[in-house]
Each structure stands twice: as C-alpha cells, then as structure tokens.
Amino acid sequence: MQSNIGTLVTNLSPENPPSAAMTVTKKKVIIEKRRGLLFMDWAELWEYRELLYALVIRELKIRYKQTAIGVSWVVLQPLITMMIFTAIFGYLAKIPSDGVWYPVFALTALLPWTYFSQAVSRSGTALVGNANLVSKIYFPRILLPLSMIVAPLVDLALSLVLLFGMLFYAGIPLTWKVGTLPVFLVIAMCASIGIGLFVSAANVKYRDVGHAIPFLIQIWMFVSPVAYPVSLVPERWRFLYGLNPMAGVIEGFRWALLGQTAPDTLVMTASFAVFLLLMVAGLIYFRQMERQFADVI
C-alpha cells in the first residue's frame, strides 16, 4: 500500500482571498496485491521512519515518566539482580564461573538477557496496547513491535557503563574482542524481532499470550547460561542446548568482554541457525495475521 499525502496550501493576499486560494489535493491510496508473506516494502518502512522514532521516544518517556530516580533504574535493576545472583548462586550454591569473579560473570550475562526479556515482553503487547492506532489509521503495523524492540537498546547502552566499571574494578582488560560485541547484539535483536513479531500477532487473537509471556520469560532465563556457564552442560547435550538463541548471545558476550576461550562451536552453530528460523517464522506469521488486526483487535 502506497500513499501520497495531500497538501493544504494557503496563500493569503488581497488579490487572492482565503476561499479562492485554498486548494486541497485529495489523498490518493493505491491498494496492491501482496507479493508474498516474506515480502517487505522497505521503501514504505523508510517513509515511516519518523513514526518509528516517535514511537521509540514515546516508549522511553512513558517508561520513566513520574519516577523518582528516572533512568537510574536502568543501572539499579541489573545491579540488584547481580547482587542477588551472586549471593544465591555464587556463594550459597557455589556455582563455578570459569575462573571469573562471579559478580562480573553474572552481570555480563544479565545485560543481554535483560534486553532480550524486555524487548520480547514489550513487543508482545505492542499491538493490543495501541489498539486505538491500529483500528483508526493506516501505517506499517510492524513498526509497533519494532519500536518496543529498539527502545530497550537505550537501557542496554546505559547499563554497559556499569559493566565496564565492574570490569575495570575487577582488573579485566578490554581486548580487540570487544569489537565483536555488536555482532552478538544484532543476534539478540534478530531473535527478539522474530519472537516479538510472533507473540504480538498471536496476542491480538489470543489474549492468553499476554499472560503467558512473563511466565515463559522466567523459565527461559533458567535454561539460558545466565547464572551458570555452558561448561556445566554435558557435551552430548550442547547442540540441543544451543537451540536456545540466547545461549549463543550470552556466550558471545562473555567471550568478547571477559577474554575467555572461544565459545562452544556446537552452541554457537545451533544458536545462529535458530535465530534465522525465528526471524523468518515470525515475519511469516505476522504478515499472515496483519490484515486481521484492525478487525480482531
């Protein structure tokens, strides 16, 4: 669907009164046959890029509006979680951390996991939460879940300041590997997009999905190497364990920041394959359900 937005031109002068000078060009809408479930009109998305920016800014303002400490929550949340993990898993359960100081070991995994969990949770309710927009005006619906996936990147960027400070305190130097960090971040984003598109579309028709997302995210965290290293997983189960895309992302973060040995090949291979499948499956399902959003929501 392409549109040329009408313009209203008013030229006020004695020779040209308002009633005669005011001209209105009607909006022209062209409806074209869909060219496939995987087809994406990139030109249209680029045309609506300012709307995506506005949605991201709105989400950030709503999140921290009328809070006493504002964006400080971005640092406090992973910091408090790190302290709890250190007390329970590091000191009480004595879970190994591959020779790394456990607070840093846990925080390095908590940051990408927090981004992923927030992106999936927020994008899952993006369409239902903006039902008034979906049912009244046209715009690429995919922008709503995408905005909820992009917004937590700001939180992650601010949280990295805390992580780098912890690395400095622990005496862990940064190496060239830190340059690969954006690669693993892109994988986390792509996995979030695939899952976010799927659950946001499913939540329009089945509202149970919105209730199930927080519960599933909690379970997902414990099957991801957040509180423990991948080395604890038996080797014969490594490939199966790697089907969790966040396993590869967390291992990649630890390799890039902590200077450990290269991530397990089986885990990384499985994670890369799954995140690609999630992207395709999420896009197909979203495109299939997209025409029903305004009617069902």
Protein backbone atom coordinates (compact mmCIF):
# COMPACT_ATOMS: atom_id res chain seq x y z
CA MET A 1 0.00 0.00 0.00
CA GLN A 2 1.43 3.33 -1.05
CA SER A 3 0.06 6.77 -0.30
CA ASN A 4 0.65 10.34 -1.37
CA ILE A 5 -0.33 12.58 1.48
CA GLY A 6 -2.45 15.51 0.37
CA THR A 7 -1.19 19.03 0.96
CA LEU A 8 -3.06 22.10 2.02
CA VAL A 9 -1.69 25.30 0.54
CA THR A 10 -2.94 28.68 1.67
CA ASN A 11 -1.72 31.92 0.14
CA LEU A 12 -3.36 34.94 1.69
CA SER A 13 -3.31 38.20 -0.25
CA PRO A 14 -5.80 40.96 -1.18
CA GLU A 15 -5.99 39.65 -4.76
CA ASN A 16 -6.32 36.06 -3.58
CA PRO A 17 -8.80 35.69 -0.71
CA PRO A 18 -8.67 32.60 1.53
CA SER A 19 -11.73 30.97 -0.03
CA ALA A 20 -10.25 31.13 -3.51
CA ALA A 21 -6.63 30.48 -2.63
CA MET A 22 -7.21 27.42 -0.51
CA THR A 23 -6.79 24.24 -2.57
CA VAL A 24 -6.90 20.69 -1.28
CA THR A 25 -5.35 17.71 -3.04
CA LYS A 26 -7.20 14.56 -2.13
CA LYS A 27 -5.28 11.67 -0.63
CA LYS A 28 -4.54 9.00 -3.20
CA VAL A 29 -4.36 5.43 -1.94
CA ILE A 30 -3.24 2.54 -4.11
CA ILE A 31 -4.01 -0.97 -2.90
CA GLU A 32 -1.81 -3.60 -4.48
CA LYS A 33 -1.90 -7.35 -4.28
CA ARG A 34 0.51 -8.74 -1.67
CA ARG A 35 3.58 -10.23 -3.29
CA GLY A 36 4.22 -12.90 -0.71
CA LEU A 37 4.36 -13.49 3.03
CA LEU A 38 8.06 -12.71 3.16
CA PHE A 39 7.80 -9.55 1.05
CA MET A 40 8.61 -6.38 2.95
CA ASP A 41 8.09 -2.93 1.48
CA TRP A 42 11.36 -1.38 2.60
CA ALA A 43 10.59 1.90 0.82
CA GLU A 44 7.39 2.25 2.85
CA LEU A 45 9.20 1.47 6.10
CA TRP A 46 11.78 4.14 5.26
CA GLU A 47 8.96 6.59 4.53
CA TYR A 48 7.58 5.98 8.03
CA ARG A 49 10.97 6.12 9.77
CA GLU A 50 9.99 9.27 11.69
CA LEU A 51 6.99 7.44 13.10
CA LEU A 52 9.29 4.68 14.37
CA TYR A 53 11.48 7.32 16.00
CA ALA A 54 8.42 8.96 17.60
CA LEU A 55 7.17 5.62 18.93
CA VAL A 56 10.56 4.85 20.47
CA ILE A 57 10.76 8.27 22.14
CA ARG A 58 7.21 7.91 23.43
CA GLU A 59 8.01 4.50 24.92
CA LEU A 60 11.08 5.87 26.72
CA LYS A 61 9.15 8.84 28.10
CA ILE A 62 6.27 6.69 29.31
CA ARG A 63 8.64 4.23 30.95
CA TYR A 64 10.41 6.80 33.12
CA LYS A 65 7.69 9.43 33.49
CA GLN A 66 6.92 10.42 37.08
CA THR A 67 9.66 8.22 38.54
CA ALA A 68 11.67 9.50 41.48
CA ILE A 69 15.08 8.37 40.19
CA GLY A 70 14.33 8.30 36.44
CA VAL A 71 16.79 6.46 34.23
CA SER A 72 18.76 5.36 37.29
CA TRP A 73 16.50 2.30 37.23
CA VAL A 74 18.46 1.21 34.16
CA VAL A 75 21.52 0.70 36.37
CA LEU A 76 19.77 -0.33 39.58
CA GLN A 77 17.82 -3.24 38.09
CA PRO A 78 20.82 -5.23 36.75
CA LEU A 79 22.92 -4.21 39.77
CA ILE A 80 20.40 -5.54 42.31
CA THR A 81 19.82 -8.69 40.25
CA MET A 82 23.57 -9.23 40.06
CA MET A 83 23.86 -8.97 43.84
CA ILE A 84 21.05 -11.50 44.34
CA PHE A 85 22.58 -13.92 41.84
CA THR A 86 25.98 -13.54 43.49
CA ALA A 87 24.58 -14.28 46.94
CA ILE A 88 22.46 -17.26 45.90
CA PHE A 89 24.36 -18.88 43.04
CA GLY A 90 27.87 -17.61 43.69
CA TYR A 91 28.25 -18.00 47.48
CA LEU A 92 25.48 -20.37 48.57
CA ALA A 93 25.22 -22.75 45.60
CA LYS A 94 28.94 -22.39 44.75
CA ILE A 95 28.27 -22.47 41.02
CA PRO A 96 31.57 -22.15 39.09
CA SER A 97 32.18 -19.09 36.94
CA ASP A 98 35.04 -20.31 34.74
CA GLY A 99 37.65 -18.56 36.88
CA VAL A 100 35.98 -15.13 36.58
CA TRP A 101 34.84 -13.04 39.54
CA TYR A 102 31.20 -14.11 39.85
CA PRO A 103 29.58 -10.63 40.00
CA VAL A 104 31.18 -9.75 36.67
CA PHE A 105 30.39 -13.21 35.29
CA ALA A 106 26.70 -12.77 36.15
CA LEU A 107 26.42 -9.12 35.06
CA THR A 108 27.92 -9.88 31.64
CA ALA A 109 25.05 -12.28 31.01
CA LEU A 110 22.35 -10.24 32.73
CA LEU A 111 22.68 -7.26 30.39
CA PRO A 112 21.92 -9.05 27.09
CA TRP A 113 19.30 -11.19 28.84
CA THR A 114 17.57 -8.12 30.32
CA TYR A 115 17.47 -6.52 26.88
CA PHE A 116 16.02 -9.67 25.31
CA SER A 117 13.38 -10.17 28.01
CA GLN A 118 12.26 -6.54 27.89
CA ALA A 119 12.14 -6.50 24.08
CA VAL A 120 10.02 -9.66 23.89
CA SER A 121 7.72 -8.66 26.76
CA ARG A 122 7.02 -5.16 25.45
CA SER A 123 6.70 -6.13 21.79
CA GLY A 124 4.28 -8.91 22.73
CA THR A 125 1.70 -6.35 23.92
CA ALA A 126 2.55 -3.61 21.39
CA LEU A 127 -0.44 -4.12 19.09
CA VAL A 128 -3.03 -4.66 21.81
CA GLY A 129 -1.69 -1.72 23.81
CA ASN A 130 -2.05 0.55 20.77
CA ALA A 131 -5.43 -0.74 19.60
CA ASN A 132 -6.69 2.83 19.03
CA LEU A 133 -3.95 3.45 16.45
CA VAL A 134 -4.31 0.08 14.74
CA SER A 135 -8.06 0.39 14.29
CA LYS A 136 -8.19 4.02 13.13
CA ILE A 137 -5.29 4.90 10.84
CA TYR A 138 -3.00 3.16 8.39
CA PHE A 139 0.72 2.74 8.93
CA PRO A 140 3.02 -0.30 8.73
CA ARG A 141 1.87 -2.33 11.74
CA ILE A 142 5.30 -3.85 12.13
CA LEU A 143 6.55 -0.50 13.45
CA LEU A 144 4.75 -1.02 16.78
CA PRO A 145 6.61 -4.20 17.86
CA LEU A 146 9.83 -2.87 16.29
CA SER A 147 9.66 0.28 18.42
CA MET A 148 9.38 -1.84 21.56
CA ILE A 149 12.45 -3.82 20.47
CA VAL A 150 14.53 -0.74 19.69
CA ALA A 151 13.69 1.20 22.87
CA PRO A 152 15.45 -1.21 25.32
CA LEU A 153 18.69 -0.65 23.39
CA VAL A 154 18.95 2.69 25.17
CA ASP A 155 18.73 0.90 28.53
CA LEU A 156 21.38 -1.59 27.41
CA ALA A 157 23.75 1.17 26.30
CA LEU A 158 23.47 2.90 29.69
CA SER A 159 23.90 -0.40 31.55
CA LEU A 160 27.15 -1.07 29.70
CA VAL A 161 28.66 1.84 31.63
CA LEU A 162 28.09 -0.14 34.85
CA LEU A 163 29.56 -3.27 33.28
CA PHE A 164 32.70 -1.51 32.07
CA GLY A 165 33.14 -0.02 35.53
CA MET A 166 32.89 -3.51 37.05
CA LEU A 167 35.41 -4.85 34.54
CA PHE A 168 37.83 -2.06 35.48
CA TYR A 169 37.33 -2.77 39.18
CA ALA A 170 37.95 -6.50 38.66
CA GLY A 171 41.12 -5.78 36.66
CA ILE A 172 39.81 -7.39 33.46
CA PRO A 173 41.23 -5.51 30.46
CA LEU A 174 39.28 -4.96 27.26
CA THR A 175 40.78 -6.53 24.14
CA TRP A 176 40.07 -6.47 20.41
CA LYS A 177 37.28 -8.97 21.07
CA VAL A 178 35.06 -6.18 22.37
CA GLY A 179 34.73 -5.10 18.74
CA THR A 180 32.66 -8.23 18.07
CA LEU A 181 30.06 -7.20 20.66
CA PRO A 182 27.74 -5.58 18.09
CA VAL A 183 27.55 -8.91 16.23
CA PHE A 184 26.10 -10.70 19.24
CA LEU A 185 23.84 -7.72 19.95
CA VAL A 186 22.44 -7.97 16.41
CA ILE A 187 21.74 -11.67 17.02
CA ALA A 188 19.84 -10.79 20.20
CA MET A 189 17.87 -8.14 18.29
CA CYS A 190 17.02 -10.53 15.45
CA ALA A 191 15.87 -13.19 17.91
CA SER A 192 13.78 -10.55 19.70
CA ILE A 193 12.25 -9.43 16.40
CA GLY A 194 11.34 -12.98 15.37
CA ILE A 195 9.74 -13.85 18.70
CA GLY A 196 8.28 -10.37 19.18
CA LEU A 197 6.52 -10.40 15.81
CA PHE A 198 5.08 -13.82 16.52
CA VAL A 199 3.79 -13.15 20.03
CA SER A 200 2.49 -9.66 19.21
CA ALA A 201 0.43 -11.04 16.31
CA ALA A 202 -0.74 -14.03 18.35
CA ASN A 203 -1.71 -11.79 21.27
CA VAL A 204 -4.19 -9.91 19.07
CA LYS A 205 -6.25 -13.06 18.55
CA TYR A 206 -5.39 -15.00 21.70
CA ARG A 207 -5.06 -12.71 24.73
CA ASP A 208 -3.74 -15.64 26.78
CA VAL A 209 -0.39 -14.98 25.12
CA GLY A 210 -0.04 -11.71 27.01
CA HIS A 211 -0.45 -13.52 30.32
CA ALA A 212 1.92 -16.33 29.34
CA ILE A 213 4.83 -14.15 28.20
CA PRO A 214 6.18 -13.19 31.69
CA PHE A 215 5.95 -16.80 32.85
CA LEU A 216 7.75 -18.14 29.78
CA ILE A 217 10.44 -15.46 30.08
CA GLN A 218 11.19 -16.57 33.65
CA ILE A 219 11.55 -20.20 32.56
CA TRP A 220 13.67 -19.16 29.59
CA MET A 221 16.15 -17.40 31.87
CA PHE A 222 16.91 -20.58 33.79
CA VAL A 223 17.52 -22.57 30.61
CA SER A 224 19.96 -19.88 29.48
CA PRO A 225 23.54 -19.66 30.82
CA VAL A 226 22.89 -16.54 32.91
CA ALA A 227 23.71 -17.86 36.39
CA TYR A 228 25.98 -20.72 35.26
CA PRO A 229 28.49 -21.39 32.48
CA VAL A 230 27.82 -23.55 29.42
CA SER A 231 30.66 -25.81 30.58
CA LEU A 232 28.26 -27.28 33.16
CA VAL A 233 26.08 -28.65 30.36
CA PRO A 234 27.13 -32.21 29.34
CA GLU A 235 28.82 -32.17 25.94
CA ARG A 236 26.31 -34.59 24.42
CA TRP A 237 23.56 -32.06 25.14
CA ARG A 238 25.44 -28.98 23.91
CA PHE A 239 23.86 -28.82 20.45
CA LEU A 240 20.36 -29.25 21.87
CA TYR A 241 21.13 -26.61 24.49
CA GLY A 242 22.33 -24.28 21.76
CA LEU A 243 18.87 -24.28 20.17
CA ASN A 244 18.23 -21.52 22.66
CA PRO A 245 19.45 -18.47 20.68
CA MET A 246 20.28 -16.57 23.87
CA ALA A 247 22.80 -19.25 24.82
CA GLY A 248 24.95 -18.18 21.89
CA VAL A 249 24.44 -14.49 22.60
CA ILE A 250 25.44 -14.79 26.27
CA GLU A 251 28.45 -16.94 25.43
CA GLY A 252 29.45 -14.37 22.83
CA PHE A 253 29.18 -11.50 25.33
CA ARG A 254 31.35 -13.34 27.84
CA TRP A 255 33.94 -14.19 25.20
CA ALA A 256 34.06 -10.58 23.95
CA LEU A 257 34.26 -8.93 27.39
CA LEU A 258 35.90 -11.42 29.73
CA GLY A 259 38.64 -12.68 27.44
CA GLN A 260 37.66 -16.32 27.82
CA THR A 261 38.29 -19.06 25.30
CA ALA A 262 36.19 -19.13 22.15
CA PRO A 263 32.51 -20.06 22.65
CA ASP A 264 31.47 -23.66 22.15
CA THR A 265 31.13 -24.34 18.42
CA LEU A 266 28.04 -26.55 18.72
CA VAL A 267 26.22 -23.99 20.86
CA MET A 268 27.03 -21.10 18.53
CA THR A 269 26.09 -23.04 15.37
CA ALA A 270 22.72 -24.07 16.77
CA SER A 271 22.03 -20.55 18.08
CA PHE A 272 22.79 -18.91 14.71
CA ALA A 273 20.53 -21.37 12.89
CA VAL A 274 17.64 -20.89 15.31
CA PHE A 275 17.70 -17.09 15.28
CA LEU A 276 17.46 -17.14 11.47
CA LEU A 277 14.49 -19.51 11.64
CA LEU A 278 12.85 -17.32 14.27
CA MET A 279 13.19 -14.25 12.03
CA VAL A 280 11.58 -15.98 9.06
CA ALA A 281 8.83 -17.68 11.08
CA GLY A 282 7.97 -14.50 12.98
CA LEU A 283 7.77 -12.44 9.80
CA ILE A 284 5.60 -15.03 8.01
CA TYR A 285 3.13 -15.28 10.88
CA PHE A 286 2.96 -11.50 11.35
CA ARG A 287 2.33 -10.93 7.64
CA GLN A 288 -0.32 -13.63 7.62
CA MET A 289 -2.21 -12.09 10.55
CA GLU A 290 -1.64 -8.44 9.66
CA ARG A 291 -4.82 -7.93 7.63
CA GLN A 292 -6.94 -9.15 10.55
CA PHE A 293 -5.52 -6.82 13.20
CA ALA A 294 -7.96 -3.94 12.76
CA ASP A 295 -10.99 -6.27 12.76
CA VAL A 296 -9.98 -8.56 15.63
CA ILE A 297 -8.37 -6.07 17.97
